[in-house]
Protein backbone atom coordinates (compact mmCIF):
# COMPACT_ATOMS: atom_id res chain seq x y z
CA MET A 1 -1.51 -8.53 -12.92
CA ARG A 2 -2.24 -11.91 -9.82
CA LEU A 3 0.32 -12.72 -7.58
CA PRO A 4 1.06 -16.92 -8.40
CA ASP A 5 -0.86 -18.94 -6.00
CA SER A 6 2.80 -20.85 -4.71
CA LEU A 7 3.81 -17.37 -4.35
CA ALA A 8 0.51 -16.17 -2.00
CA ASP A 9 0.71 -19.74 0.07
CA LEU A 10 3.84 -18.80 1.02
CA GLY A 11 2.73 -15.62 3.07
CA LYS A 12 0.20 -17.36 4.58
CA ARG A 13 2.68 -19.97 5.87
CA ARG A 14 4.77 -17.02 7.12
CA ILE A 15 2.34 -14.94 8.69
CA GLU A 16 0.59 -18.06 10.68
CA GLY A 17 0.76 -17.80 14.10
CA HIS A 18 0.76 -13.90 13.79
CA PRO A 19 -2.87 -12.38 14.59
CA VAL A 20 -3.85 -11.02 11.51
CA GLU A 21 -7.29 -12.87 9.20
CA GLY A 22 -7.85 -13.31 5.78
CA PHE A 23 -5.88 -12.72 2.61
CA VAL A 24 -5.88 -10.14 0.19
CA TYR A 25 -4.16 -10.41 -3.93
CA GLY A 26 -3.37 -7.20 -4.89
CA THR A 27 -4.81 -6.38 -8.34
CA GLY A 28 -4.59 -4.48 -11.73
CA PRO A 29 -3.38 -4.30 -14.86
CA ASP A 30 0.06 -5.33 -15.89
CA ALA A 31 1.13 -2.36 -17.04
CA PRO A 32 -0.74 0.38 -14.48
CA SER A 33 -0.63 4.21 -13.98
CA LEU A 34 0.39 3.69 -10.94
CA MET A 35 0.45 1.41 -8.35
CA LEU A 36 -0.41 1.94 -5.38
CA VAL A 37 0.80 0.05 -1.74
CA GLY A 38 -0.79 0.76 1.44
CA GLU A 39 -0.88 -0.66 4.58
CA ALA A 40 -2.85 -3.91 5.08
CA PRO A 41 -6.34 -5.22 4.47
CA GLY A 42 -9.42 -4.21 6.98
CA GLU A 43 -12.59 -5.84 7.64
CA THR A 44 -13.76 -4.99 4.49
CA GLU A 45 -11.40 -5.67 2.18
CA ILE A 46 -10.66 -10.09 4.03
CA HIS A 47 -14.79 -10.45 3.11
CA ASN A 48 -14.91 -9.49 -0.32
CA GLY A 49 -11.26 -9.85 -1.91
CA ILE A 50 -10.38 -6.52 -3.02
CA PRO A 51 -8.18 -4.33 -1.76
CA PHE A 52 -9.49 -0.62 -0.32
CA SER A 53 -12.51 -1.37 -0.86
CA GLY A 54 -13.93 -0.04 2.63
CA ARG A 55 -14.33 3.15 4.40
CA ALA A 56 -10.83 4.31 3.01
CA GLY A 57 -11.15 2.83 -0.43
CA GLN A 58 -14.13 5.31 -1.34
CA LYS A 59 -11.38 8.19 -0.71
CA LEU A 60 -8.85 6.59 -2.83
CA MET A 61 -11.07 6.48 -5.18
CA GLU A 62 -12.36 10.45 -5.31
CA PHE A 63 -8.37 10.50 -4.88
CA LEU A 64 -8.22 9.00 -7.94
CA ALA A 65 -11.01 10.21 -9.90
CA GLY A 66 -9.04 13.92 -8.70
CA LEU A 67 -6.34 12.41 -11.58
CA GLY A 68 -8.62 11.46 -14.68
CA LEU A 69 -8.56 7.68 -13.34
CA SER A 70 -10.47 4.52 -12.43
CA ARG A 71 -9.40 1.58 -10.44
CA GLU A 72 -8.89 -0.53 -13.69
CA ASP A 73 -6.58 1.88 -14.58
CA VAL A 74 -4.03 1.46 -10.74
CA TYR A 75 -2.47 -1.56 -9.50
CA ILE A 76 -3.86 -1.50 -6.03
CA THR A 77 -1.51 -4.12 -2.99
CA SER A 78 -0.40 -2.88 0.21
CA ALA A 79 2.47 -4.15 2.12
CA VAL A 80 0.92 -6.64 4.08
CA ARG A 81 -1.96 -8.82 3.11
CA SER A 82 -3.94 -9.92 5.92
CA ARG A 83 -5.85 -8.60 8.31
CA PRO A 84 -3.84 -7.49 11.30
CA TYR A 85 -6.24 -7.45 14.02
CA VAL A 86 -6.58 -6.53 18.14
CA TRP A 87 -9.06 -8.01 20.44
CA ARG A 88 -11.40 -4.86 22.72
CA GLU A 89 -13.88 -4.22 24.75
CA LYS A 90 -16.73 -2.61 23.28
CA ARG A 91 -19.40 -0.30 25.54
CA ASP A 92 -21.75 -3.37 26.31
CA GLY A 93 -18.80 -5.41 27.87
CA THR A 94 -18.40 -7.57 24.39
CA LYS A 95 -14.79 -8.22 22.35
CA LYS A 96 -14.81 -7.33 18.41
CA LYS A 97 -11.51 -6.82 17.29
CA TYR A 98 -10.12 -4.29 15.75
CA ASN A 99 -7.86 -3.55 12.79
CA ARG A 100 -4.25 -2.81 13.81
CA PRO A 101 -1.02 -1.09 12.03
CA PRO A 102 0.68 -4.40 10.91
CA THR A 103 4.70 -5.53 13.06
CA ALA A 104 7.34 -4.93 11.92
CA ALA A 105 7.41 -9.45 11.83
CA GLU A 106 3.76 -9.03 9.92
CA ILE A 107 5.38 -6.73 6.87
CA LYS A 108 8.95 -8.76 6.75
CA ALA A 109 6.58 -11.94 6.69
CA HIS A 110 4.91 -10.68 3.49
CA ALA A 111 7.37 -9.09 2.14
CA PRO A 112 8.59 -11.91 -1.09
CA LEU A 113 5.10 -10.81 -2.17
CA LEU A 114 5.20 -6.43 -2.24
CA ASP A 115 8.90 -7.85 -4.31
CA TYR A 116 7.48 -10.12 -7.00
CA GLU A 117 4.88 -7.63 -7.69
CA LEU A 118 7.49 -4.69 -7.90
CA GLN A 119 9.37 -6.74 -10.14
CA ASN A 120 6.95 -7.15 -12.60
CA VAL A 121 4.30 -4.71 -12.00
CA GLN A 122 5.36 -1.40 -15.35
CA ALA A 123 4.62 1.13 -13.74
CA SER A 124 6.15 4.59 -13.86
CA ILE A 125 4.92 6.05 -10.41
CA ILE A 126 4.89 4.20 -7.50
CA VAL A 127 2.52 5.82 -4.89
CA THR A 128 2.87 4.91 -0.92
CA LEU A 129 -0.05 5.70 1.12
CA GLY A 130 1.07 6.54 4.52
CA ASN A 131 4.18 5.40 6.77
CA VAL A 132 3.77 1.94 6.47
CA GLY A 133 3.70 1.65 2.26
CA LEU A 134 6.94 4.00 2.10
CA GLN A 135 8.86 2.54 5.24
CA ARG A 136 8.61 -0.86 3.35
CA LEU A 137 10.63 0.44 0.16
CA LEU A 138 12.36 3.36 2.12
CA GLY A 139 13.00 2.68 5.50
CA LYS A 140 12.45 3.14 8.06
CA GLU A 141 13.59 6.94 9.27
CA MET A 142 11.03 8.36 5.83
CA LYS A 143 8.46 10.02 7.19
CA VAL A 144 5.17 10.85 4.67
CA THR A 145 5.10 14.11 6.50
CA GLU A 146 8.55 14.84 5.66
CA VAL A 147 8.62 13.67 2.22
CA HIS A 148 4.46 13.51 0.69
CA GLY A 149 4.24 15.54 -2.76
CA GLN A 150 7.84 14.84 -3.82
CA LEU A 151 8.42 12.53 -6.74
CA LEU A 152 12.04 10.30 -4.79
CA GLN A 153 14.03 8.52 -7.31
CA SER A 154 15.57 5.40 -5.38
CA SER A 155 16.31 1.89 -5.05
CA VAL A 156 14.40 -0.15 -2.48
CA ARG A 157 14.55 -2.85 0.20
CA HIS A 158 13.95 -6.53 -0.85
CA LEU A 159 13.62 -9.14 1.30
CA ASP A 160 17.47 -11.55 1.11
CA GLU A 161 17.49 -15.64 1.95
CA HIS A 162 18.42 -14.67 5.11
CA ASN A 163 15.28 -12.92 5.74
CA HIS A 164 17.51 -9.03 5.97
CA TYR A 165 16.86 -6.59 3.49
CA TYR A 166 19.22 -4.90 0.85
CA TRP A 167 18.96 -2.10 -1.68
CA SER A 168 17.53 -3.23 -5.03
CA GLU A 169 19.84 -2.12 -8.12
CA ASN A 170 16.80 -0.93 -9.56
CA GLN A 171 15.89 2.78 -9.52
CA TYR A 172 11.91 3.22 -9.06
CA ALA A 173 9.86 6.56 -8.77
CA ILE A 174 8.11 7.28 -5.16
CA PHE A 175 5.27 9.94 -4.53
CA PRO A 176 4.24 9.36 -0.68
CA THR A 177 1.24 10.80 0.12
CA PHE A 178 -1.46 10.51 3.27
CA HIS A 179 -3.03 7.21 3.60
CA PRO A 180 -6.69 7.83 2.71
CA ALA A 181 -8.25 6.92 6.39
CA SER A 182 -5.57 9.34 7.19
CA ILE A 183 -8.40 12.29 7.52
CA PHE A 184 -11.11 9.93 9.76
CA TYR A 185 -8.39 10.97 12.52
CA ASN A 186 -7.15 14.58 11.28
CA PRO A 187 -9.35 16.66 9.01
CA LYS A 188 -6.75 19.41 8.36
CA LEU A 189 -4.54 16.27 5.94
CA ARG A 190 -7.66 17.05 3.53
CA GLU A 191 -5.24 20.23 2.28
CA GLU A 192 -2.18 18.92 1.71
CA ILE A 193 -3.70 15.15 0.32
CA ALA A 194 -5.20 17.84 -2.81
CA GLU A 195 -2.07 19.69 -2.54
CA ASP A 196 -0.46 16.09 -3.29
CA GLN A 197 -2.63 14.65 -5.62
CA LYS A 198 -2.41 17.85 -7.61
CA ARG A 199 1.16 18.10 -7.98
CA LEU A 200 0.42 13.67 -8.71
CA LYS A 201 -1.65 14.99 -11.98
CA GLU A 202 1.26 17.19 -13.66
CA LEU A 203 3.80 14.19 -13.06
CA LEU A 204 1.17 11.99 -15.06
CA GLU A 205 0.41 14.92 -17.68
CA GLU A 206 4.09 15.20 -17.62
CA LYS A 207 5.19 11.49 -18.41
CA GLU A 208 1.65 10.97 -20.97
CA LYS A 209 3.83 14.33 -23.23
CA PHE A 210 6.79 11.80 -23.77
CA VAL A 211 4.51 8.68 -24.51
């Protein structure tokens, strides 16, 4: 499934003026085993156009391999499609762009893109990777530390024509887990991610029994 170019162009226009760069499409089949919703592309992704292809992507591929899946089996997307950056000074005095979390306004700018994917990608389970994807779908009060590893049956937030969020009529199966990059900053999360992986594998195996 590929986002229509007209919708991608809308997303690019809506995010103009924000400190972001590049644009990365979601990728994957129309009816994937899972739909993965991340945060935003980084430097690697905006250069090669492949979501989760940097360091965090390597960890995500390991996570998928543990489920018996590969990149080709899943649909990978994110709350924001352009790389949010901030200029910071390096030790040698030169400045460099560094990744940063997207703002609420940037997430809202690209909300119609994710809405389209939610409505057109036929995945039995949506896996949110970190707080940004989770809160984009289920609201700011949700925290990955509190709900990771659980299968949540819920409506999700869509954006209306007045630029306000509303709750969908459809119910979705949401499985929150930590962002793959989280272990670079908090190695203790490895065990919790491994437990989430085990639980998700069990859920996938259960669903296969009824296919």
